[in-house]
Amino acid sequence: MLEADLYARLLAGVFASAALTATLLMFLSAPYGRHARAGWGPTMPTRLAWIVMEAPAALVFLGFYFAGAHALELAPLALMAMWQTHYLQRAFVFPFKLRPGGRTPMTVVALGFTFNVINAYLNGRWLSHFGAYPLEWLWSPAFIIGLILFVTGYRINHWADHVLANLRAPGETGYKIPRGGLFELISCPNYFGELLEWVGFAIAASSVAGWSFAVFTAANLVPRALTHHRWYRAQFPDYPQSRRAVLPFIL
């Protein structure tokens, strides 16, 4: 099989898996975090699970990226830097901000690992080999708009993660209602920020691979945000009724 054929099939598979993921998650919450429950097989420490799941998105991406013919050109390097800014933090910094003691089903880890390997290949290979990004791309409207959205989403995502990580004092257990900033409008600013990041990246790269990831991100995070939102309302009778789940004023 020619690589172009394999690439096209994997790309179609990501779009198909996005549709399947969105459908399943509307009826079944992924069994990790606050929605963890028995019956999903062996588990592993959550910190280690995050590293195992997310590391391929950074490391496998780099391997395929630097195997490409255009890897050292400035525009592809800028797009690569955007990707790595998110995933180096997500794989090797974020897990150590999680409270110790949680466990995640290995089934979830295996699914996340597999998707990240495929997604890293599709995007890394496109940016440095199949795609064409002349130097002028760096001041094109698509790149500038995409970069602004990506940076905005990145900052929102990290701010929200910081708020959530500091809701409880050392030794405290249980959950609290997060307050302040975008938390007054939506239950999941962290997911909103991540959605902005990958829509921004897709615009900046203007690639089908980038858009396949943005679509999959929405298919994964929007249903989970809705599940979080219902959970907050069930757990806290005083939960603000004006808040939406993930898109301010809309959803």
C-alpha atoms as a PDB file:
ATOM      1  CA  MET A   1       0.000   0.000   0.000  1.00  0.00           C
ATOM      2  CA  LEU A   2       1.314   3.431  -0.935  1.00  0.00           C
ATOM      3  CA  GLU A   3       1.761   5.857   1.946  1.00  0.00           C
ATOM      4  CA  ALA A   4      -0.719   8.258   0.358  1.00  0.00           C
ATOM      5  CA  ASP A   5      -3.369   5.521   0.452  1.00  0.00           C
ATOM      6  CA  LEU A   6      -2.611   4.684   4.071  1.00  0.00           C
ATOM      7  CA  TYR A   7      -2.699   8.362   4.963  1.00  0.00           C
ATOM      8  CA  ALA A   8      -6.100   8.861   3.319  1.00  0.00           C
ATOM      9  CA  ARG A   9      -7.554   5.809   5.065  1.00  0.00           C
ATOM     10  CA  LEU A  10      -6.309   6.881   8.476  1.00  0.00           C
ATOM     11  CA  LEU A  11      -7.663  10.377   7.900  1.00  0.00           C
ATOM     12  CA  ALA A  12     -11.092   8.990   7.010  1.00  0.00           C
ATOM     13  CA  GLY A  13     -10.857   6.781  10.084  1.00  0.00           C
ATOM     14  CA  VAL A  14     -10.387   9.787  12.369  1.00  0.00           C
ATOM     15  CA  PHE A  15     -13.544  11.440  11.015  1.00  0.00           C
ATOM     16  CA  ALA A  16     -15.469   8.167  11.377  1.00  0.00           C
ATOM     17  CA  SER A  17     -14.174   7.653  14.929  1.00  0.00           C
ATOM     18  CA  ALA A  18     -15.210  11.215  15.790  1.00  0.00           C
ATOM     19  CA  ALA A  19     -18.795  10.440  14.780  1.00  0.00           C
ATOM     20  CA  LEU A  20     -18.741   7.177  16.745  1.00  0.00           C
ATOM     21  CA  THR A  21     -17.138   8.825  19.791  1.00  0.00           C
ATOM     22  CA  ALA A  22     -19.682  11.656  19.912  1.00  0.00           C
ATOM     23  CA  THR A  23     -22.558   9.198  19.626  1.00  0.00           C
ATOM     24  CA  LEU A  24     -21.266   6.896  22.370  1.00  0.00           C
ATOM     25  CA  LEU A  25     -20.357   9.693  24.777  1.00  0.00           C
ATOM     26  CA  MET A  26     -23.824  11.199  24.551  1.00  0.00           C
ATOM     27  CA  PHE A  27     -25.086   8.064  26.302  1.00  0.00           C
ATOM     28  CA  LEU A  28     -22.046   6.782  28.207  1.00  0.00           C
ATOM     29  CA  SER A  29     -19.599   8.897  30.198  1.00  0.00           C
ATOM     30  CA  ALA A  30     -15.930   7.978  29.832  1.00  0.00           C
ATOM     31  CA  PRO A  31     -14.958   6.170  33.077  1.00  0.00           C
ATOM     32  CA  TYR A  32     -12.193   8.378  34.456  1.00  0.00           C
ATOM     33  CA  GLY A  33     -11.910  11.392  36.733  1.00  0.00           C
ATOM     34  CA  ARG A  34     -15.084  12.206  38.607  1.00  0.00           C
ATOM     35  CA  HIS A  35     -16.948   9.715  36.421  1.00  0.00           C
ATOM     36  CA  ALA A  36     -14.685   6.771  37.302  1.00  0.00           C
ATOM     37  CA  ARG A  37     -16.508   3.540  38.081  1.00  0.00           C
ATOM     38  CA  ALA A  38     -15.877  -0.178  38.331  1.00  0.00           C
ATOM     39  CA  GLY A  39     -16.349  -2.623  35.506  1.00  0.00           C
ATOM     40  CA  TRP A  40     -13.784  -1.343  33.017  1.00  0.00           C
ATOM     41  CA  GLY A  41     -10.979  -3.780  33.766  1.00  0.00           C
ATOM     42  CA  PRO A  42      -7.503  -3.203  35.214  1.00  0.00           C
ATOM     43  CA  THR A  43      -6.500   0.335  36.172  1.00  0.00           C
ATOM     44  CA  MET A  44      -3.254   2.253  36.505  1.00  0.00           C
ATOM     45  CA  PRO A  45      -2.240   5.411  38.412  1.00  0.00           C
ATOM     46  CA  THR A  46      -3.790   8.442  36.750  1.00  0.00           C
ATOM     47  CA  ARG A  47      -0.550  10.415  36.589  1.00  0.00           C
ATOM     48  CA  LEU A  48       1.157   7.586  34.716  1.00  0.00           C
ATOM     49  CA  ALA A  49      -1.934   7.123  32.547  1.00  0.00           C
ATOM     50  CA  TRP A  50      -1.780  10.735  31.348  1.00  0.00           C
ATOM     51  CA  ILE A  51       1.902  10.409  30.458  1.00  0.00           C
ATOM     52  CA  VAL A  52       1.376   7.156  28.558  1.00  0.00           C
ATOM     53  CA  MET A  53      -1.630   8.558  26.668  1.00  0.00           C
ATOM     54  CA  GLU A  54      -0.238  11.970  25.801  1.00  0.00           C
ATOM     55  CA  ALA A  55       3.472  11.312  25.248  1.00  0.00           C
ATOM     56  CA  PRO A  56       2.963   9.881  21.721  1.00  0.00           C
ATOM     57  CA  ALA A  57       1.272  13.120  20.673  1.00  0.00           C
ATOM     58  CA  ALA A  58       4.552  14.908  21.408  1.00  0.00           C
ATOM     59  CA  LEU A  59       7.226  12.295  20.685  1.00  0.00           C
ATOM     60  CA  VAL A  60       5.717  10.369  17.765  1.00  0.00           C
ATOM     61  CA  PHE A  61       4.806  13.693  16.186  1.00  0.00           C
ATOM     62  CA  LEU A  62       8.440  14.823  16.387  1.00  0.00           C
ATOM     63  CA  GLY A  63       9.646  11.589  14.800  1.00  0.00           C
ATOM     64  CA  PHE A  64       7.361  11.887  11.780  1.00  0.00           C
ATOM     65  CA  TYR A  65       7.809  15.633  11.541  1.00  0.00           C
ATOM     66  CA  PHE A  66      11.601  15.540  11.336  1.00  0.00           C
ATOM     67  CA  ALA A  67      11.452  12.716   8.775  1.00  0.00           C
ATOM     68  CA  GLY A  68       9.753  15.121   6.352  1.00  0.00           C
ATOM     69  CA  ALA A  69      11.401  16.948   3.483  1.00  0.00           C
ATOM     70  CA  HIS A  70      10.332  20.408   4.727  1.00  0.00           C
ATOM     71  CA  ALA A  71      10.996  19.919   8.444  1.00  0.00           C
ATOM     72  CA  LEU A  72      13.520  22.747   8.748  1.00  0.00           C
ATOM     73  CA  GLU A  73      11.515  25.374   6.883  1.00  0.00           C
ATOM     74  CA  LEU A  74      10.277  28.242   9.053  1.00  0.00           C
ATOM     75  CA  ALA A  75       6.524  28.011   8.468  1.00  0.00           C
ATOM     76  CA  PRO A  76       6.279  24.280   9.234  1.00  0.00           C
ATOM     77  CA  LEU A  77       8.531  24.830  12.250  1.00  0.00           C
ATOM     78  CA  ALA A  78       6.142  27.496  13.567  1.00  0.00           C
ATOM     79  CA  LEU A  79       3.178  25.126  13.243  1.00  0.00           C
ATOM     80  CA  MET A  80       5.183  22.351  14.875  1.00  0.00           C
ATOM     81  CA  ALA A  81       6.006  24.701  17.766  1.00  0.00           C
ATOM     82  CA  MET A  82       2.309  25.403  18.306  1.00  0.00           C
ATOM     83  CA  TRP A  83       1.587  21.675  18.536  1.00  0.00           C
ATOM     84  CA  GLN A  84       4.491  20.973  20.877  1.00  0.00           C
ATOM     85  CA  THR A  85       3.631  23.916  23.136  1.00  0.00           C
ATOM     86  CA  HIS A  86       0.405  22.123  24.016  1.00  0.00           C
ATOM     87  CA  TYR A  87       1.575  18.530  24.123  1.00  0.00           C
ATOM     88  CA  LEU A  88       4.881  18.841  25.939  1.00  0.00           C
ATOM     89  CA  GLN A  89       2.971  20.556  28.725  1.00  0.00           C
ATOM     90  CA  ARG A  90       0.067  18.103  28.591  1.00  0.00           C
ATOM     91  CA  ALA A  91       2.267  15.013  28.621  1.00  0.00           C
ATOM     92  CA  PHE A  92       5.108  15.983  30.944  1.00  0.00           C
ATOM     93  CA  VAL A  93       3.910  18.862  33.161  1.00  0.00           C
ATOM     94  CA  PHE A  94       0.143  18.566  33.627  1.00  0.00           C
ATOM     95  CA  PRO A  95       0.206  14.998  35.064  1.00  0.00           C
ATOM     96  CA  PHE A  96       2.322  16.157  37.995  1.00  0.00           C
ATOM     97  CA  LYS A  97      -0.239  18.821  38.867  1.00  0.00           C
ATOM     98  CA  LEU A  98      -2.886  16.151  39.413  1.00  0.00           C
ATOM     99  CA  ARG A  99      -3.612  15.028  42.930  1.00  0.00           C
ATOM    100  CA  PRO A 100      -2.014  11.624  43.605  1.00  0.00           C
ATOM    101  CA  GLY A 101      -4.105   8.554  44.256  1.00  0.00           C
ATOM    102  CA  GLY A 102      -6.450   8.477  41.274  1.00  0.00           C
ATOM    103  CA  ARG A 103      -6.635   5.515  38.931  1.00  0.00           C
ATOM    104  CA  THR A 104      -7.670   5.253  35.282  1.00  0.00           C
ATOM    105  CA  PRO A 105      -8.840   2.149  33.375  1.00  0.00           C
ATOM    106  CA  MET A 106      -6.168   0.770  31.075  1.00  0.00           C
ATOM    107  CA  THR A 107      -8.826   0.504  28.360  1.00  0.00           C
ATOM    108  CA  VAL A 108      -9.096   4.301  28.335  1.00  0.00           C
ATOM    109  CA  VAL A 109      -5.303   4.598  28.258  1.00  0.00           C
ATOM    110  CA  ALA A 110      -5.009   2.192  25.318  1.00  0.00           C
ATOM    111  CA  LEU A 111      -7.646   4.064  23.312  1.00  0.00           C
ATOM    112  CA  GLY A 112      -6.023   7.427  24.015  1.00  0.00           C
ATOM    113  CA  PHE A 113      -2.551   6.097  23.169  1.00  0.00           C
ATOM    114  CA  THR A 114      -3.735   4.631  19.854  1.00  0.00           C
ATOM    115  CA  PHE A 115      -5.528   7.786  18.785  1.00  0.00           C
ATOM    116  CA  ASN A 116      -2.571   9.997  19.665  1.00  0.00           C
ATOM    117  CA  VAL A 117      -0.154   7.856  17.628  1.00  0.00           C
ATOM    118  CA  ILE A 118      -2.406   8.085  14.558  1.00  0.00           C
ATOM    119  CA  ASN A 119      -3.129  11.776  15.043  1.00  0.00           C
ATOM    120  CA  ALA A 120       0.562  12.560  15.531  1.00  0.00           C
ATOM    121  CA  TYR A 121       1.397  10.774  12.297  1.00  0.00           C
ATOM    122  CA  LEU A 122      -1.321  12.522  10.298  1.00  0.00           C
ATOM    123  CA  ASN A 123      -0.448  16.023  11.463  1.00  0.00           C
ATOM    124  CA  GLY A 124       3.318  15.690  11.774  1.00  0.00           C
ATOM    125  CA  ARG A 125       3.660  14.072   8.371  1.00  0.00           C
ATOM    126  CA  TRP A 126       1.427  16.659   6.720  1.00  0.00           C
ATOM    127  CA  LEU A 127       3.217  19.684   8.127  1.00  0.00           C
ATOM    128  CA  SER A 128       6.701  18.636   7.104  1.00  0.00           C
ATOM    129  CA  HIS A 129       6.164  16.417   4.064  1.00  0.00           C
ATOM    130  CA  PHE A 130       2.799  16.337   2.305  1.00  0.00           C
ATOM    131  CA  GLY A 131       1.872  19.974   2.950  1.00  0.00           C
ATOM    132  CA  ALA A 132       3.357  23.076   1.370  1.00  0.00           C
ATOM    133  CA  TYR A 133       4.024  26.099   3.595  1.00  0.00           C
ATOM    134  CA  PRO A 134       6.159  28.814   2.017  1.00  0.00           C
ATOM    135  CA  LEU A 135       7.677  31.465   4.253  1.00  0.00           C
ATOM    136  CA  GLU A 136       4.848  33.858   3.270  1.00  0.00           C
ATOM    137  CA  TRP A 137       2.422  31.569   5.106  1.00  0.00           C
ATOM    138  CA  LEU A 138       3.587  33.112   8.382  1.00  0.00           C
ATOM    139  CA  TRP A 139       1.861  36.422   7.585  1.00  0.00           C
ATOM    140  CA  SER A 140      -1.166  34.966   5.834  1.00  0.00           C
ATOM    141  CA  PRO A 141      -4.595  35.734   7.378  1.00  0.00           C
ATOM    142  CA  ALA A 142      -5.142  32.027   8.070  1.00  0.00           C
ATOM    143  CA  PHE A 143      -1.960  31.667  10.098  1.00  0.00           C
ATOM    144  CA  ILE A 144      -2.426  34.906  12.031  1.00  0.00           C
ATOM    145  CA  ILE A 145      -6.085  34.221  12.898  1.00  0.00           C
ATOM    146  CA  GLY A 146      -5.298  30.629  13.792  1.00  0.00           C
ATOM    147  CA  LEU A 147      -2.369  31.627  15.988  1.00  0.00           C
ATOM    148  CA  ILE A 148      -4.495  34.178  17.874  1.00  0.00           C
ATOM    149  CA  LEU A 149      -7.190  31.573  18.538  1.00  0.00           C
ATOM    150  CA  PHE A 150      -4.606  28.977  19.554  1.00  0.00           C
ATOM    151  CA  VAL A 151      -2.848  31.289  22.035  1.00  0.00           C
ATOM    152  CA  THR A 152      -6.175  32.465  23.464  1.00  0.00           C
ATOM    153  CA  GLY A 153      -7.372  28.889  23.916  1.00  0.00           C
ATOM    154  CA  TYR A 154      -4.059  27.831  25.437  1.00  0.00           C
ATOM    155  CA  ARG A 155      -4.222  30.596  28.034  1.00  0.00           C
ATOM    156  CA  ILE A 156      -7.855  29.807  28.895  1.00  0.00           C
ATOM    157  CA  ASN A 157      -7.100  26.097  29.190  1.00  0.00           C
ATOM    158  CA  HIS A 158      -4.179  26.636  31.546  1.00  0.00           C
ATOM    159  CA  TRP A 159      -5.980  29.215  33.648  1.00  0.00           C
ATOM    160  CA  ALA A 160      -8.957  26.875  34.086  1.00  0.00           C
ATOM    161  CA  ASP A 161      -6.711  23.914  34.952  1.00  0.00           C
ATOM    162  CA  HIS A 162      -4.993  26.084  37.575  1.00  0.00           C
ATOM    163  CA  VAL A 163      -8.331  27.081  39.124  1.00  0.00           C
ATOM    164  CA  LEU A 164      -9.526  23.471  39.250  1.00  0.00           C
ATOM    165  CA  ALA A 165      -6.229  22.220  40.697  1.00  0.00           C
ATOM    166  CA  ASN A 166      -6.441  24.750  43.538  1.00  0.00           C
ATOM    167  CA  LEU A 167     -10.104  24.383  44.503  1.00  0.00           C
ATOM    168  CA  ARG A 168      -9.243  22.176  47.454  1.00  0.00           C
ATOM    169  CA  ALA A 169      -6.728  22.912  50.170  1.00  0.00           C
ATOM    170  CA  PRO A 170      -4.161  20.200  50.968  1.00  0.00           C
ATOM    171  CA  GLY A 171      -5.897  17.340  52.729  1.00  0.00           C
ATOM    172  CA  GLU A 172      -9.382  18.318  51.584  1.00  0.00           C
ATOM    173  CA  THR A 173     -11.536  15.853  49.663  1.00  0.00           C
ATOM    174  CA  GLY A 174     -14.695  16.168  47.608  1.00  0.00           C
ATOM    175  CA  TYR A 175     -15.641  18.709  44.958  1.00  0.00           C
ATOM    176  CA  LYS A 176     -16.474  22.406  45.026  1.00  0.00           C
ATOM    177  CA  ILE A 177     -18.135  24.797  42.613  1.00  0.00           C
ATOM    178  CA  PRO A 178     -15.420  26.651  40.675  1.00  0.00           C
ATOM    179  CA  ARG A 179     -15.859  30.415  40.603  1.00  0.00           C
ATOM    180  CA  GLY A 180     -14.565  33.427  38.720  1.00  0.00           C
ATOM    181  CA  GLY A 181     -13.807  34.364  35.134  1.00  0.00           C
ATOM    182  CA  LEU A 182     -15.243  32.086  32.493  1.00  0.00           C
ATOM    183  CA  PHE A 183     -16.451  29.726  35.215  1.00  0.00           C
ATOM    184  CA  GLU A 184     -19.298  32.206  35.723  1.00  0.00           C
ATOM    185  CA  LEU A 185     -20.440  31.513  32.145  1.00  0.00           C
ATOM    186  CA  ILE A 186     -19.620  27.841  31.539  1.00  0.00           C
ATOM    187  CA  SER A 187     -18.904  24.737  33.582  1.00  0.00           C
ATOM    188  CA  CYS A 188     -15.864  23.671  31.555  1.00  0.00           C
ATOM    189  CA  PRO A 189     -13.622  26.565  30.471  1.00  0.00           C
ATOM    190  CA  ASN A 190     -10.732  24.099  30.263  1.00  0.00           C
ATOM    191  CA  TYR A 191     -12.541  22.227  27.473  1.00  0.00           C
ATOM    192  CA  PHE A 192     -13.607  25.464  25.801  1.00  0.00           C
ATOM    193  CA  GLY A 193      -9.974  26.571  25.774  1.00  0.00           C
ATOM    194  CA  GLU A 194      -8.816  23.302  24.249  1.00  0.00           C
ATOM    195  CA  LEU A 195     -11.472  23.524  21.559  1.00  0.00           C
ATOM    196  CA  LEU A 196     -10.248  27.025  20.692  1.00  0.00           C
ATOM    197  CA  GLU A 197      -6.675  25.758  20.531  1.00  0.00           C
ATOM    198  CA  TRP A 198      -7.323  23.050  17.980  1.00  0.00           C
ATOM    199  CA  VAL A 199      -9.735  25.083  15.865  1.00  0.00           C
ATOM    200  CA  GLY A 200      -7.014  27.731  15.808  1.00  0.00           C
ATOM    201  CA  PHE A 201      -4.401  25.168  14.830  1.00  0.00           C
ATOM    202  CA  ALA A 202      -6.646  23.805  12.069  1.00  0.00           C
ATOM    203  CA  ILE A 203      -7.090  27.314  10.662  1.00  0.00           C
ATOM    204  CA  ALA A 204      -3.371  28.079  10.936  1.00  0.00           C
ATOM    205  CA  ALA A 205      -2.401  24.840   9.194  1.00  0.00           C
ATOM    206  CA  SER A 206      -5.391  24.876   6.811  1.00  0.00           C
ATOM    207  CA  SER A 207      -5.106  21.107   6.504  1.00  0.00           C
ATOM    208  CA  VAL A 208      -7.644  18.297   6.499  1.00  0.00           C
ATOM    209  CA  ALA A 209      -5.513  16.591   9.166  1.00  0.00           C
ATOM    210  CA  GLY A 210      -5.782  19.656  11.399  1.00  0.00           C
ATOM    211  CA  TRP A 211      -9.533  19.817  10.926  1.00  0.00           C
ATOM    212  CA  SER A 212      -9.904  16.090  11.586  1.00  0.00           C
ATOM    213  CA  PHE A 213      -8.306  16.670  14.983  1.00  0.00           C
ATOM    214  CA  ALA A 214     -10.472  19.704  15.725  1.00  0.00           C
ATOM    215  CA  VAL A 215     -13.588  17.673  14.862  1.00  0.00           C
ATOM    216  CA  PHE A 216     -12.452  14.754  17.020  1.00  0.00           C
ATOM    217  CA  THR A 217     -11.653  17.109  19.904  1.00  0.00           C
ATOM    218  CA  ALA A 218     -15.188  18.496  19.753  1.00  0.00           C
ATOM    219  CA  ALA A 219     -16.639  14.973  19.514  1.00  0.00           C
ATOM    220  CA  ASN A 220     -14.754  14.015  22.669  1.00  0.00           C
ATOM    221  CA  LEU A 221     -14.953  17.162  24.805  1.00  0.00           C
ATOM    222  CA  VAL A 222     -18.429  18.534  24.116  1.00  0.00           C
ATOM    223  CA  PRO A 223     -20.267  15.407  25.349  1.00  0.00           C
ATOM    224  CA  ARG A 224     -17.950  15.200  28.356  1.00  0.00           C
ATOM    225  CA  ALA A 225     -18.603  18.853  29.155  1.00  0.00           C
ATOM    226  CA  LEU A 226     -22.347  18.180  29.031  1.00  0.00           C
ATOM    227  CA  THR A 227     -21.834  15.229  31.396  1.00  0.00           C
ATOM    228  CA  HIS A 228     -19.814  17.437  33.776  1.00  0.00           C
ATOM    229  CA  HIS A 229     -22.517  20.093  33.612  1.00  0.00           C
ATOM    230  CA  ARG A 230     -25.263  17.623  34.539  1.00  0.00           C
ATOM    231  CA  TRP A 231     -23.068  16.244  37.317  1.00  0.00           C
ATOM    232  CA  TYR A 232     -22.520  19.713  38.821  1.00  0.00           C
ATOM    233  CA  ARG A 233     -26.259  20.414  38.783  1.00  0.00           C
ATOM    234  CA  ALA A 234     -27.005  17.065  40.415  1.00  0.00           C
ATOM    235  CA  GLN A 235     -24.342  17.479  43.109  1.00  0.00           C
ATOM    236  CA  PHE A 236     -24.948  21.135  44.009  1.00  0.00           C
ATOM    237  CA  PRO A 237     -28.551  22.367  44.402  1.00  0.00           C
ATOM    238  CA  ASP A 238     -27.245  25.961  44.376  1.00  0.00           C
ATOM    239  CA  TYR A 239     -25.312  25.530  41.135  1.00  0.00           C
ATOM    240  CA  PRO A 240     -25.733  28.698  39.017  1.00  0.00           C
ATOM    241  CA  GLN A 241     -28.588  28.131  36.588  1.00  0.00           C
ATOM    242  CA  SER A 242     -27.271  30.672  34.090  1.00  0.00           C
ATOM    243  CA  ARG A 243     -24.115  28.698  33.370  1.00  0.00           C
ATOM    244  CA  ARG A 244     -23.849  26.728  30.143  1.00  0.00           C
ATOM    245  CA  ALA A 245     -21.690  23.634  29.721  1.00  0.00           C
ATOM    246  CA  VAL A 246     -18.920  24.568  27.299  1.00  0.00           C
ATOM    247  CA  LEU A 247     -19.895  27.371  24.874  1.00  0.00           C
ATOM    248  CA  PRO A 248     -20.754  30.692  26.566  1.00  0.00           C
ATOM    249  CA  PHE A 249     -24.439  31.643  26.171  1.00  0.00           C
ATOM    250  CA  ILE A 250     -25.011  28.764  23.724  1.00  0.00           C
ATOM    251  CA  LEU A 251     -24.414  25.211  25.024  1.00  0.00           C
END
